[in-house]
All heavy atoms as atom14 arrays in JSON, in Angstrom:
{
  "sequence": "ADAVRKLTGGADTFAPRPATAPAKPRKPPKVPPRSSAADEVGRDYL",
  "atom14_mask": [
    [1, 1, 1, 1, 1, 0, 0, 0, 0, 0, 0, 0, 0, 0],
    [1, 1, 1, 1, 1, 1, 1, 1, 0, 0, 0, 0, 0, 0],
    [1, 1, 1, 1, 1, 0, 0, 0, 0, 0, 0, 0, 0, 0],
    [1, 1, 1, 1, 1, 1, 1, 0, 0, 0, 0, 0, 0, 0],
    [1, 1, 1, 1, 1, 1, 1, 1, 1, 1, 1, 0, 0, 0],
    [1, 1, 1, 1, 1, 1, 1, 1, 1, 0, 0, 0, 0, 0],
    [1, 1, 1, 1, 1, 1, 1, 1, 0, 0, 0, 0, 0, 0],
    [1, 1, 1, 1, 1, 1, 1, 0, 0, 0, 0, 0, 0, 0],
    [1, 1, 1, 1, 0, 0, 0, 0, 0, 0, 0, 0, 0, 0],
    [1, 1, 1, 1, 0, 0, 0, 0, 0, 0, 0, 0, 0, 0],
    [1, 1, 1, 1, 1, 0, 0, 0, 0, 0, 0, 0, 0, 0],
    [1, 1, 1, 1, 1, 1, 1, 1, 0, 0, 0, 0, 0, 0],
    [1, 1, 1, 1, 1, 1, 1, 0, 0, 0, 0, 0, 0, 0],
    [1, 1, 1, 1, 1, 1, 1, 1, 1, 1, 1, 0, 0, 0],
    [1, 1, 1, 1, 1, 0, 0, 0, 0, 0, 0, 0, 0, 0],
    [1, 1, 1, 1, 1, 1, 1, 0, 0, 0, 0, 0, 0, 0],
    [1, 1, 1, 1, 1, 1, 1, 1, 1, 1, 1, 0, 0, 0],
    [1, 1, 1, 1, 1, 1, 1, 0, 0, 0, 0, 0, 0, 0],
    [1, 1, 1, 1, 1, 0, 0, 0, 0, 0, 0, 0, 0, 0],
    [1, 1, 1, 1, 1, 1, 1, 0, 0, 0, 0, 0, 0, 0],
    [1, 1, 1, 1, 1, 0, 0, 0, 0, 0, 0, 0, 0, 0],
    [1, 1, 1, 1, 1, 1, 1, 0, 0, 0, 0, 0, 0, 0],
    [1, 1, 1, 1, 1, 0, 0, 0, 0, 0, 0, 0, 0, 0],
    [1, 1, 1, 1, 1, 1, 1, 1, 1, 0, 0, 0, 0, 0],
    [1, 1, 1, 1, 1, 1, 1, 0, 0, 0, 0, 0, 0, 0],
    [1, 1, 1, 1, 1, 1, 1, 1, 1, 1, 1, 0, 0, 0],
    [1, 1, 1, 1, 1, 1, 1, 1, 1, 0, 0, 0, 0, 0],
    [1, 1, 1, 1, 1, 1, 1, 0, 0, 0, 0, 0, 0, 0],
    [1, 1, 1, 1, 1, 1, 1, 0, 0, 0, 0, 0, 0, 0],
    [1, 1, 1, 1, 1, 1, 1, 1, 1, 0, 0, 0, 0, 0],
    [1, 1, 1, 1, 1, 1, 1, 0, 0, 0, 0, 0, 0, 0],
    [1, 1, 1, 1, 1, 1, 1, 0, 0, 0, 0, 0, 0, 0],
    [1, 1, 1, 1, 1, 1, 1, 0, 0, 0, 0, 0, 0, 0],
    [1, 1, 1, 1, 1, 1, 1, 1, 1, 1, 1, 0, 0, 0],
    [1, 1, 1, 1, 1, 1, 0, 0, 0, 0, 0, 0, 0, 0],
    [1, 1, 1, 1, 1, 1, 0, 0, 0, 0, 0, 0, 0, 0],
    [1, 1, 1, 1, 1, 0, 0, 0, 0, 0, 0, 0, 0, 0],
    [1, 1, 1, 1, 1, 0, 0, 0, 0, 0, 0, 0, 0, 0],
    [1, 1, 1, 1, 1, 1, 1, 1, 0, 0, 0, 0, 0, 0],
    [1, 1, 1, 1, 1, 1, 1, 1, 1, 0, 0, 0, 0, 0],
    [1, 1, 1, 1, 1, 1, 1, 0, 0, 0, 0, 0, 0, 0],
    [1, 1, 1, 1, 0, 0, 0, 0, 0, 0, 0, 0, 0, 0],
    [1, 1, 1, 1, 1, 1, 1, 1, 1, 1, 1, 0, 0, 0],
    [1, 1, 1, 1, 1, 1, 1, 1, 0, 0, 0, 0, 0, 0],
    [1, 1, 1, 1, 1, 1, 1, 1, 1, 1, 1, 1, 0, 0],
    [1, 1, 1, 1, 1, 1, 1, 1, 0, 0, 0, 0, 0, 0]
  ],
  "atom14_positions": [
    [[0.82, -1.21, 0.0], [0.0, 0.0, 0.0], [0.85, 1.26, 0.0], [0.56, 2.24, -0.7], [-0.93, -0.01, 1.21], [0.0, 0.0, 0.0], [0.0, 0.0, 0.0], [0.0, 0.0, 0.0], [0.0, 0.0, 0.0], [0.0, 0.0, 0.0], [0.0, 0.0, 0.0], [0.0, 0.0, 0.0], [0.0, 0.0, 0.0], [0.0, 0.0, 0.0]],
    [[1.94, 1.26, 0.79], [2.82, 2.43, 0.82], [3.49, 2.65, -0.53], [3.69, 3.78, -0.97], [3.88, 2.26, 1.9], [3.33, 2.51, 3.3], [2.26, 3.12, 3.4], [3.97, 2.07, 4.27], [0.0, 0.0, 0.0], [0.0, 0.0, 0.0], [0.0, 0.0, 0.0], [0.0, 0.0, 0.0], [0.0, 0.0, 0.0], [0.0, 0.0, 0.0]],
    [[3.84, 1.54, -1.21], [4.44, 1.67, -2.53], [3.48, 2.32, -3.51], [3.87, 3.17, -4.32], [4.88, 0.29, -3.04], [0.0, 0.0, 0.0], [0.0, 0.0, 0.0], [0.0, 0.0, 0.0], [0.0, 0.0, 0.0], [0.0, 0.0, 0.0], [0.0, 0.0, 0.0], [0.0, 0.0, 0.0], [0.0, 0.0, 0.0], [0.0, 0.0, 0.0]],
    [[2.2, 1.94, -3.42], [1.19, 2.55, -4.28], [1.07, 4.04, -3.99], [1.03, 4.88, -4.91], [-0.17, 1.85, -4.08], [-1.29, 2.64, -4.78], [-0.12, 0.43, -4.61], [0.0, 0.0, 0.0], [0.0, 0.0, 0.0], [0.0, 0.0, 0.0], [0.0, 0.0, 0.0], [0.0, 0.0, 0.0], [0.0, 0.0, 0.0], [0.0, 0.0, 0.0]],
    [[1.06, 4.4, -2.71], [0.93, 5.81, -2.34], [2.14, 6.63, -2.8], [2.01, 7.78, -3.21], [0.74, 5.93, -0.84], [-0.68, 5.58, -0.38], [-0.9, 5.97, 1.07], [-0.25, 5.04, 1.97], [-0.85, 3.98, 2.51], [-2.11, 3.72, 2.2], [-0.2, 3.18, 3.34], [0.0, 0.0, 0.0], [0.0, 0.0, 0.0], [0.0, 0.0, 0.0]],
    [[3.33, 6.03, -2.73], [4.53, 6.74, -3.17], [4.46, 7.07, -4.66], [4.94, 8.1, -5.12], [5.78, 5.91, -2.87], [6.18, 5.87, -1.39], [7.32, 4.89, -1.17], [7.73, 4.87, 0.3], [8.47, 6.1, 0.68], [0.0, 0.0, 0.0], [0.0, 0.0, 0.0], [0.0, 0.0, 0.0], [0.0, 0.0, 0.0], [0.0, 0.0, 0.0]],
    [[3.83, 6.18, -5.43], [3.74, 6.38, -6.87], [2.62, 7.34, -7.25], [2.76, 8.14, -8.18], [3.52, 5.03, -7.56], [4.73, 4.09, -7.59], [4.28, 2.67, -7.86], [5.73, 4.54, -8.65], [0.0, 0.0, 0.0], [0.0, 0.0, 0.0], [0.0, 0.0, 0.0], [0.0, 0.0, 0.0], [0.0, 0.0, 0.0], [0.0, 0.0, 0.0]],
    [[1.52, 7.28, -6.54], [0.34, 8.05, -6.94], [0.25, 9.41, -6.27], [-0.63, 10.2, -6.61], [-0.94, 7.26, -6.63], [-0.98, 6.98, -5.21], [-0.97, 5.95, -7.4], [0.0, 0.0, 0.0], [0.0, 0.0, 0.0], [0.0, 0.0, 0.0], [0.0, 0.0, 0.0], [0.0, 0.0, 0.0], [0.0, 0.0, 0.0], [0.0, 0.0, 0.0]],
    [[1.15, 9.67, -5.3], [1.12, 10.97, -4.66], [0.18, 11.06, -3.49], [-0.18, 12.16, -3.07], [0.0, 0.0, 0.0], [0.0, 0.0, 0.0], [0.0, 0.0, 0.0], [0.0, 0.0, 0.0], [0.0, 0.0, 0.0], [0.0, 0.0, 0.0], [0.0, 0.0, 0.0], [0.0, 0.0, 0.0], [0.0, 0.0, 0.0], [0.0, 0.0, 0.0]],
    [[-0.21, 9.91, -2.91], [-1.08, 9.91, -1.75], [-0.28, 10.17, -0.48], [0.84, 10.72, -0.51], [0.0, 0.0, 0.0], [0.0, 0.0, 0.0], [0.0, 0.0, 0.0], [0.0, 0.0, 0.0], [0.0, 0.0, 0.0], [0.0, 0.0, 0.0], [0.0, 0.0, 0.0], [0.0, 0.0, 0.0], [0.0, 0.0, 0.0], [0.0, 0.0, 0.0]],
    [[-0.83, 9.79, 0.64], [-0.15, 9.98, 1.93], [1.18, 9.26, 1.91], [1.34, 8.21, 1.29], [-1.03, 9.44, 3.06], [0.0, 0.0, 0.0], [0.0, 0.0, 0.0], [0.0, 0.0, 0.0], [0.0, 0.0, 0.0], [0.0, 0.0, 0.0], [0.0, 0.0, 0.0], [0.0, 0.0, 0.0], [0.0, 0.0, 0.0], [0.0, 0.0, 0.0]],
    [[2.14, 9.84, 2.61], [3.49, 9.27, 2.7], [4.17, 9.19, 1.34], [4.98, 8.32, 1.09], [3.46, 7.87, 3.33], [2.88, 7.9, 4.72], [3.17, 8.86, 5.47], [2.14, 6.97, 5.07], [0.0, 0.0, 0.0], [0.0, 0.0, 0.0], [0.0, 0.0, 0.0], [0.0, 0.0, 0.0], [0.0, 0.0, 0.0], [0.0, 0.0, 0.0]],
    [[3.78, 10.08, 0.44], [4.41, 10.05, -0.88], [5.86, 10.48, -0.79], [6.31, 11.03, 0.21], [3.64, 10.96, -1.86], [4.13, 10.74, -3.17], [3.84, 12.43, -1.51], [0.0, 0.0, 0.0], [0.0, 0.0, 0.0], [0.0, 0.0, 0.0], [0.0, 0.0, 0.0], [0.0, 0.0, 0.0], [0.0, 0.0, 0.0], [0.0, 0.0, 0.0]],
    [[6.59, 10.21, -1.86], [7.99, 10.62, -1.87], [8.09, 12.12, -2.06], [7.22, 12.75, -2.65], [8.75, 9.9, -2.99], [8.3, 10.3, -4.39], [8.91, 11.35, -5.05], [7.27, 9.64, -5.03], [8.5, 11.72, -6.33], [6.86, 10.0, -6.3], [7.47, 11.04, -6.95], [0.0, 0.0, 0.0], [0.0, 0.0, 0.0], [0.0, 0.0, 0.0]],
    [[9.17, 12.69, -1.56], [9.44, 14.1, -1.78], [10.72, 14.22, -2.58], [11.73, 13.61, -2.24], [9.62, 14.82, -0.44], [0.0, 0.0, 0.0], [0.0, 0.0, 0.0], [0.0, 0.0, 0.0], [0.0, 0.0, 0.0], [0.0, 0.0, 0.0], [0.0, 0.0, 0.0], [0.0, 0.0, 0.0], [0.0, 0.0, 0.0], [0.0, 0.0, 0.0]],
    [[10.71, 14.93, -3.71], [11.94, 15.08, -4.48], [13.07, 15.63, -3.63], [12.87, 16.52, -2.8], [11.54, 16.08, -5.58], [10.05, 15.92, -5.7], [9.58, 15.64, -4.31], [0.0, 0.0, 0.0], [0.0, 0.0, 0.0], [0.0, 0.0, 0.0], [0.0, 0.0, 0.0], [0.0, 0.0, 0.0], [0.0, 0.0, 0.0], [0.0, 0.0, 0.0]],
    [[14.23, 15.09, -3.83], [15.39, 15.52, -3.05], [15.86, 16.88, -3.51], [15.99, 17.12, -4.72], [16.53, 14.52, -3.2], [16.21, 13.14, -2.65], [17.32, 12.17, -2.95], [17.0, 10.84, -2.46], [17.73, 9.77, -2.7], [18.81, 9.86, -3.44], [17.38, 8.61, -2.22], [0.0, 0.0, 0.0], [0.0, 0.0, 0.0], [0.0, 0.0, 0.0]],
    [[16.11, 17.83, -2.62], [16.65, 19.13, -3.03], [17.99, 18.94, -3.73], [18.78, 18.06, -3.39], [16.84, 19.86, -1.68], [15.95, 19.15, -0.72], [15.92, 17.72, -1.17], [0.0, 0.0, 0.0], [0.0, 0.0, 0.0], [0.0, 0.0, 0.0], [0.0, 0.0, 0.0], [0.0, 0.0, 0.0], [0.0, 0.0, 0.0], [0.0, 0.0, 0.0]],
    [[18.23, 19.79, -4.74], [19.47, 19.67, -5.5], [20.69, 19.88, -4.63], [21.78, 19.38, -4.92], [19.46, 20.68, -6.64], [0.0, 0.0, 0.0], [0.0, 0.0, 0.0], [0.0, 0.0, 0.0], [0.0, 0.0, 0.0], [0.0, 0.0, 0.0], [0.0, 0.0, 0.0], [0.0, 0.0, 0.0], [0.0, 0.0, 0.0], [0.0, 0.0, 0.0]],
    [[20.54, 20.61, -3.53], [21.67, 20.91, -2.67], [21.88, 19.88, -1.56], [22.82, 19.96, -0.81], [21.49, 22.28, -2.01], [20.25, 22.29, -1.29], [21.46, 23.38, -3.07], [0.0, 0.0, 0.0], [0.0, 0.0, 0.0], [0.0, 0.0, 0.0], [0.0, 0.0, 0.0], [0.0, 0.0, 0.0], [0.0, 0.0, 0.0], [0.0, 0.0, 0.0]],
    [[20.94, 18.92, -1.46], [21.05, 17.94, -0.38], [22.24, 17.03, -0.63], [22.45, 16.56, -1.76], [19.77, 17.11, -0.31], [0.0, 0.0, 0.0], [0.0, 0.0, 0.0], [0.0, 0.0, 0.0], [0.0, 0.0, 0.0], [0.0, 0.0, 0.0], [0.0, 0.0, 0.0], [0.0, 0.0, 0.0], [0.0, 0.0, 0.0], [0.0, 0.0, 0.0]],
    [[23.06, 16.78, 0.37], [24.2, 15.9, 0.17], [23.76, 14.47, -0.06], [22.78, 14.0, 0.52], [24.98, 16.02, 1.5], [23.94, 16.42, 2.5], [22.96, 17.28, 1.75], [0.0, 0.0, 0.0], [0.0, 0.0, 0.0], [0.0, 0.0, 0.0], [0.0, 0.0, 0.0], [0.0, 0.0, 0.0], [0.0, 0.0, 0.0], [0.0, 0.0, 0.0]],
    [[24.45, 13.78, -0.93], [24.13, 12.39, -1.2], [24.48, 11.53, 0.01], [25.45, 11.79, 0.71], [24.91, 11.9, -2.42], [0.0, 0.0, 0.0], [0.0, 0.0, 0.0], [0.0, 0.0, 0.0], [0.0, 0.0, 0.0], [0.0, 0.0, 0.0], [0.0, 0.0, 0.0], [0.0, 0.0, 0.0], [0.0, 0.0, 0.0], [0.0, 0.0, 0.0]],
    [[23.64, 10.52, 0.25], [23.93, 9.62, 1.35], [25.19, 8.82, 1.03], [25.37, 8.36, -0.1], [22.76, 8.66, 1.56], [21.5, 9.32, 2.08], [20.4, 8.29, 2.32], [19.15, 8.94, 2.86], [18.07, 7.95, 3.09], [0.0, 0.0, 0.0], [0.0, 0.0, 0.0], [0.0, 0.0, 0.0], [0.0, 0.0, 0.0], [0.0, 0.0, 0.0]],
    [[26.08, 8.67, 2.01], [27.3, 7.91, 1.73], [26.97, 6.46, 1.4], [26.1, 5.85, 2.01], [28.09, 8.02, 3.04], [27.06, 8.33, 4.08], [26.02, 9.15, 3.4], [0.0, 0.0, 0.0], [0.0, 0.0, 0.0], [0.0, 0.0, 0.0], [0.0, 0.0, 0.0], [0.0, 0.0, 0.0], [0.0, 0.0, 0.0], [0.0, 0.0, 0.0]],
    [[27.64, 5.93, 0.41], [27.44, 4.55, 0.01], [28.15, 3.62, 0.98], [29.28, 3.86, 1.37], [27.99, 4.33, -1.4], [27.88, 2.89, -1.91], [28.5, 2.76, -3.29], [29.93, 3.08, -3.26], [30.89, 2.18, -3.03], [30.59, 0.92, -2.79], [32.16, 2.54, -3.04], [0.0, 0.0, 0.0], [0.0, 0.0, 0.0], [0.0, 0.0, 0.0]],
    [[27.47, 2.56, 1.35], [28.1, 1.53, 2.18], [28.61, 0.42, 1.27], [27.82, -0.2, 0.55], [27.1, 0.96, 3.18], [26.65, 1.95, 4.25], [25.71, 1.28, 5.24], [25.28, 2.27, 6.33], [24.35, 1.63, 7.3], [0.0, 0.0, 0.0], [0.0, 0.0, 0.0], [0.0, 0.0, 0.0], [0.0, 0.0, 0.0], [0.0, 0.0, 0.0]],
    [[29.93, 0.19, 1.24], [30.47, -0.85, 0.36], [29.84, -2.21, 0.66], [29.42, -2.47, 1.8], [31.97, -0.86, 0.68], [32.23, 0.5, 1.25], [30.99, 0.87, 2.0], [0.0, 0.0, 0.0], [0.0, 0.0, 0.0], [0.0, 0.0, 0.0], [0.0, 0.0, 0.0], [0.0, 0.0, 0.0], [0.0, 0.0, 0.0], [0.0, 0.0, 0.0]],
    [[29.76, -3.07, -0.33], [29.17, -4.4, -0.11], [30.05, -5.26, 0.79], [31.26, -5.07, 0.85], [29.09, -4.99, -1.51], [30.19, -4.3, -2.26], [30.26, -2.91, -1.7], [0.0, 0.0, 0.0], [0.0, 0.0, 0.0], [0.0, 0.0, 0.0], [0.0, 0.0, 0.0], [0.0, 0.0, 0.0], [0.0, 0.0, 0.0], [0.0, 0.0, 0.0]],
    [[29.41, -6.17, 1.49], [30.12, -7.1, 2.34], [30.23, -8.45, 1.63], [29.21, -9.03, 1.25], [29.39, -7.28, 3.68], [29.3, -6.01, 4.52], [30.67, -5.61, 5.07], [30.54, -4.44, 6.04], [31.86, -4.02, 6.56], [0.0, 0.0, 0.0], [0.0, 0.0, 0.0], [0.0, 0.0, 0.0], [0.0, 0.0, 0.0], [0.0, 0.0, 0.0]],
    [[31.44, -8.94, 1.47], [31.62, -10.26, 0.88], [31.2, -11.29, 1.94], [31.73, -11.29, 3.05], [33.08, -10.5, 0.47], [33.23, -11.88, -0.17], [33.55, -9.41, -0.49], [0.0, 0.0, 0.0], [0.0, 0.0, 0.0], [0.0, 0.0, 0.0], [0.0, 0.0, 0.0], [0.0, 0.0, 0.0], [0.0, 0.0, 0.0], [0.0, 0.0, 0.0]],
    [[30.24, -12.16, 1.63], [29.78, -13.14, 2.63], [30.94, -14.03, 3.09], [31.86, -14.32, 2.31], [28.73, -13.96, 1.87], [28.28, -13.06, 0.77], [29.48, -12.27, 0.37], [0.0, 0.0, 0.0], [0.0, 0.0, 0.0], [0.0, 0.0, 0.0], [0.0, 0.0, 0.0], [0.0, 0.0, 0.0], [0.0, 0.0, 0.0], [0.0, 0.0, 0.0]],
    [[30.91, -14.47, 4.34], [31.98, -15.33, 4.85], [32.02, -16.67, 4.13], [30.97, -17.24, 3.81], [31.63, -15.49, 6.34], [30.17, -15.19, 6.42], [29.89, -14.18, 5.37], [0.0, 0.0, 0.0], [0.0, 0.0, 0.0], [0.0, 0.0, 0.0], [0.0, 0.0, 0.0], [0.0, 0.0, 0.0], [0.0, 0.0, 0.0], [0.0, 0.0, 0.0]],
    [[33.2, -17.17, 3.91], [33.39, -18.45, 3.25], [33.24, -19.6, 4.24], [33.39, -19.42, 5.45], [34.76, -18.51, 2.58], [34.89, -17.61, 1.38], [36.3, -17.59, 0.83], [36.77, -18.9, 0.39], [37.93, -19.12, -0.21], [38.76, -18.1, -0.44], [38.28, -20.33, -0.58], [0.0, 0.0, 0.0], [0.0, 0.0, 0.0], [0.0, 0.0, 0.0]],
    [[32.97, -20.76, 3.71], [32.95, -21.99, 4.5], [33.5, -23.1, 3.63], [33.49, -23.01, 2.39], [31.53, -22.34, 4.96], [30.72, -22.7, 3.85], [0.0, 0.0, 0.0], [0.0, 0.0, 0.0], [0.0, 0.0, 0.0], [0.0, 0.0, 0.0], [0.0, 0.0, 0.0], [0.0, 0.0, 0.0], [0.0, 0.0, 0.0], [0.0, 0.0, 0.0]],
    [[34.0, -24.15, 4.24], [34.59, -25.24, 3.47], [33.55, -25.89, 2.55], [33.86, -26.28, 1.42], [35.19, -26.29, 4.41], [34.21, -26.77, 5.32], [0.0, 0.0, 0.0], [0.0, 0.0, 0.0], [0.0, 0.0, 0.0], [0.0, 0.0, 0.0], [0.0, 0.0, 0.0], [0.0, 0.0, 0.0], [0.0, 0.0, 0.0], [0.0, 0.0, 0.0]],
    [[32.3, -25.98, 3.03], [31.24, -26.58, 2.21], [30.94, -25.7, 1.0], [30.79, -26.2, -0.13], [29.98, -26.77, 3.05], [0.0, 0.0, 0.0], [0.0, 0.0, 0.0], [0.0, 0.0, 0.0], [0.0, 0.0, 0.0], [0.0, 0.0, 0.0], [0.0, 0.0, 0.0], [0.0, 0.0, 0.0], [0.0, 0.0, 0.0], [0.0, 0.0, 0.0]],
    [[30.85, -24.38, 1.21], [30.58, -23.47, 0.1], [31.74, -23.45, -0.89], [31.53, -23.38, -2.11], [30.32, -22.06, 0.63], [0.0, 0.0, 0.0], [0.0, 0.0, 0.0], [0.0, 0.0, 0.0], [0.0, 0.0, 0.0], [0.0, 0.0, 0.0], [0.0, 0.0, 0.0], [0.0, 0.0, 0.0], [0.0, 0.0, 0.0], [0.0, 0.0, 0.0]],
    [[32.97, -23.52, -0.38], [34.14, -23.57, -1.25], [34.06, -24.79, -2.18], [34.31, -24.7, -3.39], [35.42, -23.65, -0.43], [35.79, -22.32, 0.22], [34.98, -21.36, 0.11], [36.86, -22.23, 0.84], [0.0, 0.0, 0.0], [0.0, 0.0, 0.0], [0.0, 0.0, 0.0], [0.0, 0.0, 0.0], [0.0, 0.0, 0.0], [0.0, 0.0, 0.0]],
    [[33.7, -25.93, -1.59], [33.66, -27.17, -2.37], [32.59, -27.09, -3.47], [32.85, -27.46, -4.62], [33.36, -28.34, -1.44], [33.34, -29.69, -2.14], [33.12, -30.85, -1.19], [33.13, -30.62, 0.04], [32.92, -31.99, -1.67], [0.0, 0.0, 0.0], [0.0, 0.0, 0.0], [0.0, 0.0, 0.0], [0.0, 0.0, 0.0], [0.0, 0.0, 0.0]],
    [[31.41, -26.57, -3.1], [30.33, -26.47, -4.08], [30.68, -25.46, -5.17], [30.47, -25.7, -6.37], [29.02, -26.06, -3.38], [27.93, -25.76, -4.42], [28.55, -27.17, -2.45], [0.0, 0.0, 0.0], [0.0, 0.0, 0.0], [0.0, 0.0, 0.0], [0.0, 0.0, 0.0], [0.0, 0.0, 0.0], [0.0, 0.0, 0.0], [0.0, 0.0, 0.0]],
    [[31.24, -24.31, -4.78], [31.59, -23.29, -5.75], [32.69, -23.74, -6.7], [32.61, -23.5, -7.92], [0.0, 0.0, 0.0], [0.0, 0.0, 0.0], [0.0, 0.0, 0.0], [0.0, 0.0, 0.0], [0.0, 0.0, 0.0], [0.0, 0.0, 0.0], [0.0, 0.0, 0.0], [0.0, 0.0, 0.0], [0.0, 0.0, 0.0], [0.0, 0.0, 0.0]],
    [[33.7, -24.38, -6.17], [34.77, -24.88, -7.03], [34.26, -25.95, -7.99], [34.64, -25.98, -9.17], [35.9, -25.44, -6.18], [36.73, -24.37, -5.47], [37.7, -24.99, -4.5], [38.5, -23.99, -3.79], [39.17, -24.23, -2.68], [39.15, -25.45, -2.14], [39.87, -23.27, -2.11], [0.0, 0.0, 0.0], [0.0, 0.0, 0.0], [0.0, 0.0, 0.0]],
    [[33.39, -26.83, -7.48], [32.83, -27.87, -8.35], [32.04, -27.26, -9.49], [32.13, -27.7, -10.64], [31.94, -28.8, -7.51], [31.34, -29.92, -8.35], [32.11, -30.75, -8.85], [30.1, -29.96, -8.49], [0.0, 0.0, 0.0], [0.0, 0.0, 0.0], [0.0, 0.0, 0.0], [0.0, 0.0, 0.0], [0.0, 0.0, 0.0], [0.0, 0.0, 0.0]],
    [[31.26, -26.21, -9.19], [30.49, -25.53, -10.23], [31.4, -24.96, -11.32], [31.16, -25.14, -12.52], [29.66, -24.41, -9.59], [29.11, -23.39, -10.56], [27.98, -23.66, -11.33], [29.73, -22.15, -10.72], [27.48, -22.73, -12.21], [29.23, -21.21, -11.6], [28.11, -21.5, -12.35], [27.62, -20.57, -13.24], [0.0, 0.0, 0.0], [0.0, 0.0, 0.0]],
    [[32.47, -24.29, -10.9], [33.37, -23.67, -11.88], [34.21, -24.72, -12.62], [34.49, -24.54, -13.81], [34.27, -22.66, -11.18], [33.53, -21.39, -10.69], [34.43, -20.56, -9.78], [33.05, -20.55, -11.87], [0.0, 0.0, 0.0], [0.0, 0.0, 0.0], [0.0, 0.0, 0.0], [0.0, 0.0, 0.0], [0.0, 0.0, 0.0], [0.0, 0.0, 0.0]]
  ]
}
């Protein structure tokens, strides 16, 4: 329902970001931890 409202301009709709607003800092991705089982399956696939 909130997604619909954001698109149609109803309650809780999105507000355009001011041109002067600083961009939110990006959080770099986290490489998931490895495990011996995942290593075996991944190597077998490749």
